[in-house]
Structure formats: C-alpha cells, structure tokens
C-alpha atoms as a PDB file:
ATOM      1  CA  MET A   1     -23.308  -9.093  16.150  1.00  0.00           C
ATOM      2  CA  THR A   2     -26.469  -6.889  15.563  1.00  0.00           C
ATOM      3  CA  ALA A   3     -23.848  -3.770  15.264  1.00  0.00           C
ATOM      4  CA  VAL A   4     -21.921  -5.678  12.733  1.00  0.00           C
ATOM      5  CA  LEU A   5     -25.120  -6.727  10.410  1.00  0.00           C
ATOM      6  CA  ASP A   6     -26.070  -2.911  10.735  1.00  0.00           C
ATOM      7  CA  ASP A   7     -22.762  -1.896   9.486  1.00  0.00           C
ATOM      8  CA  LEU A   8     -22.875  -4.386   6.651  1.00  0.00           C
ATOM      9  CA  ASP A   9     -26.619  -3.208   5.605  1.00  0.00           C
ATOM     10  CA  ARG A  10     -25.268   0.381   5.629  1.00  0.00           C
ATOM     11  CA  LEU A  11     -22.555  -0.302   3.365  1.00  0.00           C
ATOM     12  CA  GLU A  12     -24.792  -2.511   0.792  1.00  0.00           C
ATOM     13  CA  SER A  13     -27.103   0.134   0.714  1.00  0.00           C
ATOM     14  CA  PHE A  14     -24.171   3.016  -0.012  1.00  0.00           C
ATOM     15  CA  ALA A  15     -22.655   0.543  -2.563  1.00  0.00           C
ATOM     16  CA  LEU A  16     -26.127   0.189  -3.986  1.00  0.00           C
ATOM     17  CA  ARG A  17     -26.889   3.851  -4.174  1.00  0.00           C
ATOM     18  CA  HIS A  18     -23.492   4.778  -5.647  1.00  0.00           C
ATOM     19  CA  GLN A  19     -22.469   2.522  -8.437  1.00  0.00           C
ATOM     20  CA  ARG A  20     -19.173   4.030  -9.622  1.00  0.00           C
ATOM     21  CA  LEU A  21     -16.937   3.936  -6.513  1.00  0.00           C
ATOM     22  CA  PHE A  22     -13.570   5.602  -6.195  1.00  0.00           C
ATOM     23  CA  VAL A  23     -11.862   3.175  -3.823  1.00  0.00           C
ATOM     24  CA  LEU A  24      -8.722   4.478  -1.660  1.00  0.00           C
ATOM     25  CA  THR A  25      -6.718   1.445   0.199  1.00  0.00           C
ATOM     26  CA  GLY A  26      -4.234   1.182   2.626  1.00  0.00           C
ATOM     27  CA  ALA A  27      -2.397  -0.964   4.607  1.00  0.00           C
ATOM     28  CA  GLY A  28      -5.250  -2.515   6.480  1.00  0.00           C
ATOM     29  CA  CYS A  29      -5.992  -4.430   3.393  1.00  0.00           C
ATOM     30  CA  SER A  30      -2.823  -6.328   3.340  1.00  0.00           C
ATOM     31  CA  THR A  31      -2.519  -7.147   6.604  1.00  0.00           C
ATOM     32  CA  GLU A  32      -4.500 -10.562   6.428  1.00  0.00           C
ATOM     33  CA  SER A  33      -1.686 -11.437   3.391  1.00  0.00           C
ATOM     34  CA  GLY A  34       1.208 -11.319   6.132  1.00  0.00           C
ATOM     35  CA  ILE A  35       1.907  -7.852   5.620  1.00  0.00           C
ATOM     36  CA  PRO A  36       2.438  -5.742   8.763  1.00  0.00           C
ATOM     37  CA  ASP A  37       0.821  -2.238   9.019  1.00  0.00           C
ATOM     38  CA  TYR A  38       2.575   0.780  10.088  1.00  0.00           C
ATOM     39  CA  ARG A  39      -0.100   2.022  12.566  1.00  0.00           C
ATOM     40  CA  ASP A  40      -2.154   1.265  15.499  1.00  0.00           C
ATOM     41  CA  ARG A  41      -5.740   2.075  16.200  1.00  0.00           C
ATOM     42  CA  ASN A  42      -4.856   5.712  17.143  1.00  0.00           C
ATOM     43  CA  GLY A  43      -3.176   6.161  14.003  1.00  0.00           C
ATOM     44  CA  ASP A  44       0.180   6.510  15.732  1.00  0.00           C
ATOM     45  CA  TRP A  45       3.369   4.866  14.563  1.00  0.00           C
ATOM     46  CA  LYS A  46       4.057   1.029  15.845  1.00  0.00           C
ATOM     47  CA  ARG A  47       7.626   1.191  15.038  1.00  0.00           C
ATOM     48  CA  ALA A  48      10.337   4.209  13.728  1.00  0.00           C
ATOM     49  CA  SER A  49       9.044   5.675  10.797  1.00  0.00           C
ATOM     50  CA  PRO A  50      10.264   4.479   7.537  1.00  0.00           C
ATOM     51  CA  ILE A  51      13.407   5.950   5.794  1.00  0.00           C
ATOM     52  CA  THR A  52      13.427   9.171   4.190  1.00  0.00           C
ATOM     53  CA  VAL A  53      14.620   9.506   0.239  1.00  0.00           C
ATOM     54  CA  GLN A  54      17.139  12.154   2.060  1.00  0.00           C
ATOM     55  CA  ALA A  55      18.595   9.501   3.795  1.00  0.00           C
ATOM     56  CA  PHE A  56      18.800   6.672   1.485  1.00  0.00           C
ATOM     57  CA  THR A  57      20.254   8.732  -1.440  1.00  0.00           C
ATOM     58  CA  GLY A  58      22.727  10.728   1.194  1.00  0.00           C
ATOM     59  CA  ASP A  59      23.948   8.546   3.352  1.00  0.00           C
ATOM     60  CA  ALA A  60      25.863   5.226   2.087  1.00  0.00           C
ATOM     61  CA  LEU A  61      25.215   3.492   5.792  1.00  0.00           C
ATOM     62  CA  ALA A  62      21.520   4.060   5.893  1.00  0.00           C
ATOM     63  CA  ARG A  63      21.217   2.815   2.316  1.00  0.00           C
ATOM     64  CA  ARG A  64      23.252  -0.320   3.377  1.00  0.00           C
ATOM     65  CA  ARG A  65      20.993  -0.543   6.547  1.00  0.00           C
ATOM     66  CA  TYR A  66      18.187  -0.580   4.516  1.00  0.00           C
ATOM     67  CA  TRP A  67      18.956  -3.302   1.727  1.00  0.00           C
ATOM     68  CA  ALA A  68      20.272  -5.540   4.137  1.00  0.00           C
ATOM     69  CA  ARG A  69      16.810  -5.590   6.111  1.00  0.00           C
ATOM     70  CA  SER A  70      15.174  -5.675   2.630  1.00  0.00           C
ATOM     71  CA  LEU A  71      16.994  -8.617   1.523  1.00  0.00           C
ATOM     72  CA  VAL A  72      15.745 -10.672   4.536  1.00  0.00           C
ATOM     73  CA  GLY A  73      12.153  -9.225   4.454  1.00  0.00           C
ATOM     74  CA  TRP A  74      11.611  -9.419   0.831  1.00  0.00           C
ATOM     75  CA  ARG A  75      11.174 -13.361   1.609  1.00  0.00           C
ATOM     76  CA  ALA A  76       7.825 -12.544   3.171  1.00  0.00           C
ATOM     77  CA  MET A  77       6.840  -9.714   0.754  1.00  0.00           C
ATOM     78  CA  GLY A  78       7.733 -11.656  -2.323  1.00  0.00           C
ATOM     79  CA  GLN A  79       5.712 -14.656  -1.399  1.00  0.00           C
ATOM     80  CA  ALA A  80       2.908 -12.423  -0.034  1.00  0.00           C
ATOM     81  CA  ARG A  81      -0.652 -13.453  -1.723  1.00  0.00           C
ATOM     82  CA  PRO A  82      -3.651 -11.761  -2.403  1.00  0.00           C
ATOM     83  CA  GLY A  83      -6.391 -11.796   1.017  1.00  0.00           C
ATOM     84  CA  ALA A  84      -9.869 -11.452   1.159  1.00  0.00           C
ATOM     85  CA  ALA A  85      -9.933  -7.695   0.634  1.00  0.00           C
ATOM     86  CA  HIS A  86      -8.027  -7.921  -2.637  1.00  0.00           C
ATOM     87  CA  GLN A  87     -10.257 -10.705  -3.754  1.00  0.00           C
ATOM     88  CA  ALA A  88     -13.325  -9.029  -3.246  1.00  0.00           C
ATOM     89  CA  LEU A  89     -12.282  -5.307  -4.734  1.00  0.00           C
ATOM     90  CA  ALA A  90     -11.506  -7.465  -7.620  1.00  0.00           C
ATOM     91  CA  ASP A  91     -14.983  -9.227  -7.723  1.00  0.00           C
ATOM     92  CA  LEU A  92     -16.523  -5.987  -7.373  1.00  0.00           C
ATOM     93  CA  GLU A  93     -14.759  -4.314 -10.098  1.00  0.00           C
ATOM     94  CA  ASN A  94     -15.887  -7.389 -12.362  1.00  0.00           C
ATOM     95  CA  ALA A  95     -19.735  -6.185 -10.971  1.00  0.00           C
ATOM     96  CA  GLY A  96     -19.221  -2.909 -12.492  1.00  0.00           C
ATOM     97  CA  ARG A  97     -19.112  -1.289  -9.153  1.00  0.00           C
ATOM     98  CA  VAL A  98     -15.519   0.369  -9.009  1.00  0.00           C
ATOM     99  CA  GLU A  99     -14.551   3.345 -11.136  1.00  0.00           C
ATOM    100  CA  MET A 100     -11.073   3.375  -9.634  1.00  0.00           C
ATOM    101  CA  LEU A 101      -9.096   1.730  -7.298  1.00  0.00           C
ATOM    102  CA  LEU A 102      -6.517   4.165  -5.805  1.00  0.00           C
ATOM    103  CA  THR A 103      -3.770   2.265  -3.437  1.00  0.00           C
ATOM    104  CA  GLN A 104      -1.257   3.495  -1.222  1.00  0.00           C
ATOM    105  CA  ASN A 105      -0.151   0.141  -0.855  1.00  0.00           C
ATOM    106  CA  VAL A 106       3.177  -0.779  -3.004  1.00  0.00           C
ATOM    107  CA  ASP A 107       2.957  -4.709  -2.673  1.00  0.00           C
ATOM    108  CA  GLY A 108       1.208  -5.194  -6.346  1.00  0.00           C
ATOM    109  CA  LEU A 109      -1.796  -7.727  -4.445  1.00  0.00           C
ATOM    110  CA  HIS A 110      -4.642  -5.871  -5.939  1.00  0.00           C
ATOM    111  CA  HIS A 111      -3.324  -6.431  -9.607  1.00  0.00           C
ATOM    112  CA  ALA A 112      -2.488 -10.113  -8.361  1.00  0.00           C
ATOM    113  CA  ALA A 113      -5.999 -10.621  -7.532  1.00  0.00           C
ATOM    114  CA  GLY A 114      -7.145  -9.445 -11.067  1.00  0.00           C
ATOM    115  CA  SER A 115      -8.290  -5.774 -10.228  1.00  0.00           C
ATOM    116  CA  ARG A 116      -7.407  -4.089 -13.185  1.00  0.00           C
ATOM    117  CA  ARG A 117      -8.566   0.083 -12.684  1.00  0.00           C
ATOM    118  CA  VAL A 118      -5.713   0.538 -10.246  1.00  0.00           C
ATOM    119  CA  ILE A 119      -3.340   3.585  -9.782  1.00  0.00           C
ATOM    120  CA  ASP A 120      -0.437   2.442  -7.392  1.00  0.00           C
ATOM    121  CA  LEU A 121      -0.111   5.897  -6.143  1.00  0.00           C
ATOM    122  CA  HIS A 122       3.122   5.321  -4.181  1.00  0.00           C
ATOM    123  CA  GLY A 123       4.503   3.072  -6.720  1.00  0.00           C
ATOM    124  CA  ARG A 124       5.460  -1.028  -6.823  1.00  0.00           C
ATOM    125  CA  ILE A 125       8.016  -2.538  -4.382  1.00  0.00           C
ATOM    126  CA  ASP A 126       8.697  -5.503  -6.822  1.00  0.00           C
ATOM    127  CA  THR A 127      10.411  -3.203  -9.238  1.00  0.00           C
ATOM    128  CA  VAL A 128      13.700  -1.125  -8.706  1.00  0.00           C
ATOM    129  CA  ARG A 129      14.588   1.803 -10.528  1.00  0.00           C
ATOM    130  CA  CYS A 130      18.161   3.136 -11.282  1.00  0.00           C
ATOM    131  CA  LEU A 131      18.341   6.948 -10.075  1.00  0.00           C
ATOM    132  CA  GLN A 132      20.661   7.813 -12.674  1.00  0.00           C
ATOM    133  CA  CYS A 133      19.293   6.234 -16.004  1.00  0.00           C
ATOM    134  CA  GLN A 134      15.961   5.483 -15.122  1.00  0.00           C
ATOM    135  CA  ALA A 135      16.353   1.586 -16.100  1.00  0.00           C
ATOM    136  CA  LEU A 136      13.701  -0.684 -14.233  1.00  0.00           C
ATOM    137  CA  SER A 137      14.268  -4.047 -13.298  1.00  0.00           C
ATOM    138  CA  PRO A 138      12.414  -6.896 -11.095  1.00  0.00           C
ATOM    139  CA  ARG A 139      13.336  -6.723  -7.475  1.00  0.00           C
ATOM    140  CA  ALA A 140      13.436 -10.531  -7.337  1.00  0.00           C
ATOM    141  CA  GLU A 141      16.736 -10.231  -9.427  1.00  0.00           C
ATOM    142  CA  LEU A 142      18.251  -7.792  -7.406  1.00  0.00           C
ATOM    143  CA  GLN A 143      17.105 -10.193  -4.464  1.00  0.00           C
ATOM    144  CA  GLN A 144      19.594 -12.848  -6.249  1.00  0.00           C
ATOM    145  CA  ALA A 145      22.480 -10.437  -6.270  1.00  0.00           C
ATOM    146  CA  LEU A 146      21.709  -9.332  -2.850  1.00  0.00           C
ATOM    147  CA  MET A 147      22.118 -12.929  -1.815  1.00  0.00           C
ATOM    148  CA  MET A 148      25.127 -13.861  -3.624  1.00  0.00           C
ATOM    149  CA  ARG A 149      27.192 -11.086  -2.502  1.00  0.00           C
ATOM    150  CA  ASN A 150      25.845 -11.203   1.257  1.00  0.00           C
ATOM    151  CA  PRO A 151      25.689 -14.690   2.315  1.00  0.00           C
ATOM    152  CA  ARG A 152      25.829 -14.176   5.943  1.00  0.00           C
ATOM    153  CA  PHE A 153      22.986 -11.691   5.888  1.00  0.00           C
ATOM    154  CA  ALA A 154      21.018 -14.206   3.503  1.00  0.00           C
ATOM    155  CA  ALA A 155      21.247 -16.650   6.258  1.00  0.00           C
ATOM    156  CA  LEU A 156      19.457 -14.711   8.690  1.00  0.00           C
ATOM    157  CA  THR A 157      15.933 -14.572  10.086  1.00  0.00           C
ATOM    158  CA  ALA A 158      13.996 -11.511  11.225  1.00  0.00           C
ATOM    159  CA  THR A 159      10.678 -10.326  12.522  1.00  0.00           C
ATOM    160  CA  VAL A 160       8.848  -9.114   9.353  1.00  0.00           C
ATOM    161  CA  ALA A 161       8.271  -5.277   9.223  1.00  0.00           C
ATOM    162  CA  PRO A 162       6.088  -3.312   7.061  1.00  0.00           C
ATOM    163  CA  ASP A 163       6.689  -3.052   3.182  1.00  0.00           C
ATOM    164  CA  GLY A 164       9.481  -5.908   3.056  1.00  0.00           C
ATOM    165  CA  ASP A 165      11.435  -4.344   5.865  1.00  0.00           C
ATOM    166  CA  ALA A 166      12.791  -6.682   8.610  1.00  0.00           C
ATOM    167  CA  ASP A 167      13.750  -6.202  12.167  1.00  0.00           C
ATOM    168  CA  LEU A 168      17.646  -6.491  11.602  1.00  0.00           C
ATOM    169  CA  GLU A 169      19.194  -4.471  14.762  1.00  0.00           C
ATOM    170  CA  ASN A 170      22.743  -4.013  16.450  1.00  0.00           C
ATOM    171  CA  LEU A 171      24.342  -5.278  13.565  1.00  0.00           C
ATOM    172  CA  ASP A 172      27.362  -4.289  11.610  1.00  0.00           C
ATOM    173  CA  PHE A 173      26.079  -2.767   7.916  1.00  0.00           C
ATOM    174  CA  SER A 174      29.190  -1.227   6.915  1.00  0.00           C
ATOM    175  CA  GLN A 175      30.182  -3.960   4.524  1.00  0.00           C
ATOM    176  CA  PHE A 176      27.002  -4.931   3.100  1.00  0.00           C
ATOM    177  CA  ASP A 177      27.682  -4.828  -0.458  1.00  0.00           C
ATOM    178  CA  VAL A 178      24.927  -3.404  -2.563  1.00  0.00           C
ATOM    179  CA  PRO A 179      25.006  -3.417  -6.447  1.00  0.00           C
ATOM    180  CA  ASP A 180      24.862  -0.704  -8.832  1.00  0.00           C
ATOM    181  CA  CYS A 181      22.759  -0.435 -11.828  1.00  0.00           C
ATOM    182  CA  ALA A 182      23.937  -3.252 -14.338  1.00  0.00           C
ATOM    183  CA  VAL A 183      23.151  -0.528 -17.326  1.00  0.00           C
ATOM    184  CA  CYS A 184      24.845   2.791 -16.139  1.00  0.00           C
ATOM    185  CA  GLY A 185      26.399   2.188 -12.609  1.00  0.00           C
ATOM    186  CA  GLY A 186      23.830   4.485 -10.971  1.00  0.00           C
ATOM    187  CA  MET A 187      22.288   3.751  -7.512  1.00  0.00           C
ATOM    188  CA  LEU A 188      19.550   1.588  -7.464  1.00  0.00           C
ATOM    189  CA  LYS A 189      15.978   2.304  -5.073  1.00  0.00           C
ATOM    190  CA  PRO A 190      12.978   0.506  -4.940  1.00  0.00           C
ATOM    191  CA  ASP A 191      10.403   2.118  -7.453  1.00  0.00           C
ATOM    192  CA  VAL A 192       8.580   3.474  -4.639  1.00  0.00           C
ATOM    193  CA  VAL A 193       7.700   6.629  -3.039  1.00  0.00           C
ATOM    194  CA  PHE A 194       9.661   7.370   0.073  1.00  0.00           C
ATOM    195  CA  PHE A 195       9.084   9.754   2.628  1.00  0.00           C
ATOM    196  CA  GLY A 196      10.307  13.172   1.788  1.00  0.00           C
ATOM    197  CA  GLU A 197       9.406  12.379  -1.700  1.00  0.00           C
ATOM    198  CA  ASN A 198       6.845  13.795  -4.050  1.00  0.00           C
ATOM    199  CA  VAL A 199       4.179  11.590  -5.540  1.00  0.00           C
ATOM    200  CA  PRO A 200       4.561  11.831  -9.663  1.00  0.00           C
ATOM    201  CA  ARG A 201       2.266  14.250 -10.743  1.00  0.00           C
ATOM    202  CA  ASP A 202       0.919  12.044 -13.630  1.00  0.00           C
ATOM    203  CA  ARG A 203      -0.581   9.578 -10.782  1.00  0.00           C
ATOM    204  CA  VAL A 204      -2.255  12.294  -8.884  1.00  0.00           C
ATOM    205  CA  ASP A 205      -3.841  13.931 -11.743  1.00  0.00           C
ATOM    206  CA  ALA A 206      -5.230  10.613 -13.258  1.00  0.00           C
ATOM    207  CA  ALA A 207      -6.601   9.850  -9.786  1.00  0.00           C
ATOM    208  CA  PHE A 208      -8.264  13.546  -9.328  1.00  0.00           C
ATOM    209  CA  GLU A 209      -9.925  12.805 -12.525  1.00  0.00           C
ATOM    210  CA  ALA A 210     -11.119   9.211 -11.879  1.00  0.00           C
ATOM    211  CA  LEU A 211     -12.545  10.987  -8.623  1.00  0.00           C
ATOM    212  CA  GLN A 212     -14.394  13.457 -10.317  1.00  0.00           C
ATOM    213  CA  ALA A 213     -16.064  10.549 -12.623  1.00  0.00           C
ATOM    214  CA  SER A 214     -17.148   8.810  -9.410  1.00  0.00           C
ATOM    215  CA  ASP A 215     -20.264   8.777  -7.489  1.00  0.00           C
ATOM    216  CA  ALA A 216     -18.739   7.834  -4.041  1.00  0.00           C
ATOM    217  CA  MET A 217     -15.901   7.249  -2.395  1.00  0.00           C
ATOM    218  CA  LEU A 218     -14.689   4.609  -0.147  1.00  0.00           C
ATOM    219  CA  VAL A 219     -11.775   4.487   1.938  1.00  0.00           C
ATOM    220  CA  LEU A 220     -10.392   1.097   3.088  1.00  0.00           C
ATOM    221  CA  GLY A 221      -7.676   0.020   5.881  1.00  0.00           C
ATOM    222  CA  SER A 222      -6.102   3.670   5.859  1.00  0.00           C
ATOM    223  CA  SER A 223      -5.562   5.829   8.512  1.00  0.00           C
ATOM    224  CA  LEU A 224      -5.087   8.897   6.362  1.00  0.00           C
ATOM    225  CA  MET A 225      -2.139   9.984   8.220  1.00  0.00           C
ATOM    226  CA  VAL A 226      -0.228  10.498   5.371  1.00  0.00           C
ATOM    227  CA  TYR A 227      -1.630  13.494   3.357  1.00  0.00           C
ATOM    228  CA  SER A 228      -1.073  11.858   0.003  1.00  0.00           C
ATOM    229  CA  GLY A 229      -3.947   9.915   0.538  1.00  0.00           C
ATOM    230  CA  LEU A 230      -5.941  12.155   2.687  1.00  0.00           C
ATOM    231  CA  ARG A 231      -6.305  15.050  -0.040  1.00  0.00           C
ATOM    232  CA  PHE A 232      -8.286  12.628  -1.941  1.00  0.00           C
ATOM    233  CA  VAL A 233     -10.787  12.703   0.731  1.00  0.00           C
ATOM    234  CA  LYS A 234     -10.510  16.540   1.312  1.00  0.00           C
ATOM    235  CA  ARG A 235     -11.143  16.804  -2.649  1.00  0.00           C
ATOM    236  CA  ALA A 236     -14.216  14.419  -2.603  1.00  0.00           C
ATOM    237  CA  ALA A 237     -15.655  16.445   0.315  1.00  0.00           C
ATOM    238  CA  GLU A 238     -14.994  19.761  -1.478  1.00  0.00           C
ATOM    239  CA  ILE A 239     -16.901  18.689  -4.516  1.00  0.00           C
ATOM    240  CA  GLY A 240     -19.614  16.838  -2.581  1.00  0.00           C
ATOM    241  CA  ILE A 241     -18.956  13.462  -3.439  1.00  0.00           C
ATOM    242  CA  PRO A 242     -20.391  11.299  -0.719  1.00  0.00           C
ATOM    243  CA  ILE A 243     -17.508   9.599   1.571  1.00  0.00           C
ATOM    244  CA  ALA A 244     -17.782   5.949   3.601  1.00  0.00           C
ATOM    245  CA  ALA A 245     -14.940   3.894   5.127  1.00  0.00           C
ATOM    246  CA  VAL A 246     -14.007   0.591   6.474  1.00  0.00           C
ATOM    247  CA  ASN A 247     -10.963   0.927   9.109  1.00  0.00           C
ATOM    248  CA  LEU A 248     -10.229  -0.148  12.293  1.00  0.00           C
ATOM    249  CA  GLY A 249      -9.461   2.820  14.532  1.00  0.00           C
ATOM    250  CA  ARG A 250      -9.530   6.626  14.167  1.00  0.00           C
ATOM    251  CA  THR A 251      -8.540   8.399  10.679  1.00  0.00           C
ATOM    252  CA  ARG A 252      -7.537  11.889   9.819  1.00  0.00           C
ATOM    253  CA  GLY A 253     -10.451  12.087   7.395  1.00  0.00           C
ATOM    254  CA  ASP A 254     -13.316  10.991  10.079  1.00  0.00           C
ATOM    255  CA  GLU A 255     -15.010  14.427   9.849  1.00  0.00           C
ATOM    256  CA  HIS A 256     -15.684  14.116   6.117  1.00  0.00           C
ATOM    257  CA  PHE A 257     -17.549  10.441   6.362  1.00  0.00           C
ATOM    258  CA  GLU A 258     -21.084   9.624   6.213  1.00  0.00           C
ATOM    259  CA  PHE A 259     -20.156   6.671   8.143  1.00  0.00           C
ATOM    260  CA  LYS A 260     -17.374   4.574   9.260  1.00  0.00           C
ATOM    261  CA  VAL A 261     -17.421   0.453   9.543  1.00  0.00           C
ATOM    262  CA  ASP A 262     -14.732  -0.093  12.658  1.00  0.00           C
ATOM    263  CA  GLN A 263     -14.497  -3.824  11.244  1.00  0.00           C
ATOM    264  CA  PRO A 264     -11.395  -5.408   9.528  1.00  0.00           C
ATOM    265  CA  VAL A 265     -11.836  -5.199   5.944  1.00  0.00           C
ATOM    266  CA  GLY A 266     -11.046  -8.485   4.209  1.00  0.00           C
ATOM    267  CA  PRO A 267     -14.327 -10.023   5.964  1.00  0.00           C
ATOM    268  CA  THR A 268     -16.573  -6.900   5.632  1.00  0.00           C
ATOM    269  CA  LEU A 269     -15.427  -6.398   1.930  1.00  0.00           C
ATOM    270  CA  ALA A 270     -15.939 -10.467   1.134  1.00  0.00           C
ATOM    271  CA  GLU A 271     -19.536  -9.811   2.780  1.00  0.00           C
ATOM    272  CA  LEU A 272     -20.170  -6.867   0.598  1.00  0.00           C
ATOM    273  CA  ALA A 273     -18.787  -8.667  -2.929  1.00  0.00           C
ATOM    274  CA  ARG A 274     -20.932 -11.817  -1.875  1.00  0.00           C
ATOM    275  CA  LYS A 275     -24.319  -9.750  -2.134  1.00  0.00           C
ATOM    276  CA  PHE A 276     -23.685  -8.352  -5.122  1.00  0.00           C
ATOM    277  CA  SER A 277     -22.171 -11.524  -6.768  1.00  0.00           C
ATOM    278  CA  ALA A 278     -25.841 -12.635  -5.805  1.00  0.00           C
END
C-alpha cells in the first residue's frame, strides 16, 4: 500500500509541475470497459497478431473471415461504455491539464467520456470507409446488413477479442456474404489503420505539433510495442520533454521514462483526477 501511495504522490507531483500534458493512451485504458488488450505484461502477443491490410484487401476468404468475426464481436464493442480512465482524462482536460490526448485505441471511448482534444491515431472502428470512393458510413448500419445476410453467423456467440473481434474458429467462411459500398460498389473496410498500413500524415503532424507545445508526456496503458506510438516517446525524449507512464508491465519506452507506475490505469487516473478536482 505504501508503494501505491508513493506512486500516486509522484504522479500528482509530475502533473502539478507540468500543466500541459501530452497524453498517449493504449489498450490498457479500455480493458475495464470490456475490450480485451492484445499483449501481456511482457509486451508479447496474447493471441495471433491482427489481420494485415494486405490480407484484408488481397484475400477474399480472409476478408470474409474478418467480417464474420466482427459481426459477432461488434455486439460487445458497440455496447462498450467509458471506464474510469476515460472519465478521469475528460475531467483532467476540463481542469486544464491536457494539451492533447493521442489515443492508439479505435473504440471512441475518450470522445464518449467527454474529451474534446483528441487525435484518433489509428482511426475509429465505429465508422466504415469505402476503399474506392472513400464514402463513410456508420459501423452499426453495416452490422444490420451483415446480420440480415448471414443469419447463421448472427446467431453465434464467441469469446470477445480485441477491437470488436471474436474467436470464431473452425468454421466455413467461404459463403459469408459481405455487402459492397452502397454508393459505388467498392470494398468496405473499417476506418482504422490495419497492420501494414501507414497512419495518415496529417494525424502524425498534428500530434507532433501538440507534443511540441506540451510541458510533459504521460503514457497510459500502452506497451509501445507498435512504432506508431513509440515514435512520440522518442521525439519527446529527443527534445527534452519529461515522460512518465502508468502501465502494467514493460514497455518499449521504459528507458525514456522519468518514472513508471506499474498499476492499473483506471483507478490510478481516477485518484489523480479527484486530487485535481478537489
């Protein structure tokens, strides 16, 4: 208990000394909302790595398998609600402590909690994009079409996996019916950055600009195993911006941290937000 209190005191002192925080969040912020994370305490995959953009666009069976699993997994994803970490960050923003919140998550829960200064680095899974005409549509709308076209799959249940996925195995996906874009007939894809895909340059530039304007960086619930997030830690270290973290287990950025709190993100941030509210 003493160690936990020391960690909270250190985190509070860090936030008091650095008013304009650049916050980077990862999957550990959303696990309390029922969305599983990808990695263990050592930063290793808990499961097979996610589908690549090359497999999604180039392999019709892989694409059908993705959407079949998503049909089942979306039920949990679409109903997820902000947890303690999301609410605490919204409260800290309201208290004037957050310069920018850069999230690697695609669940939209920071927005739902009330945070406004947010960059969705990897996009939003509640939106679908046509790869041909770029038309956007709600994921909930596609869910209805998938269920109507695939009633056998709609009746299935499975263990929830990260980012709206579900553990459907040993099934025949060859006849799974995926609708095309209603505007042009093109291929539909979640409006998120898949593995093998580049983060849009404007998002990266906006994040670097916000980092430059910040007093310190706070990493929350991310192992930083993906370079798209790690690069912001490296940039902060290069320009002399102090960095702290709250994360269960090791990260690729440990060498750059002033300190790390090895505790769950939700309760830790909730306590920090209460101190500033008081």
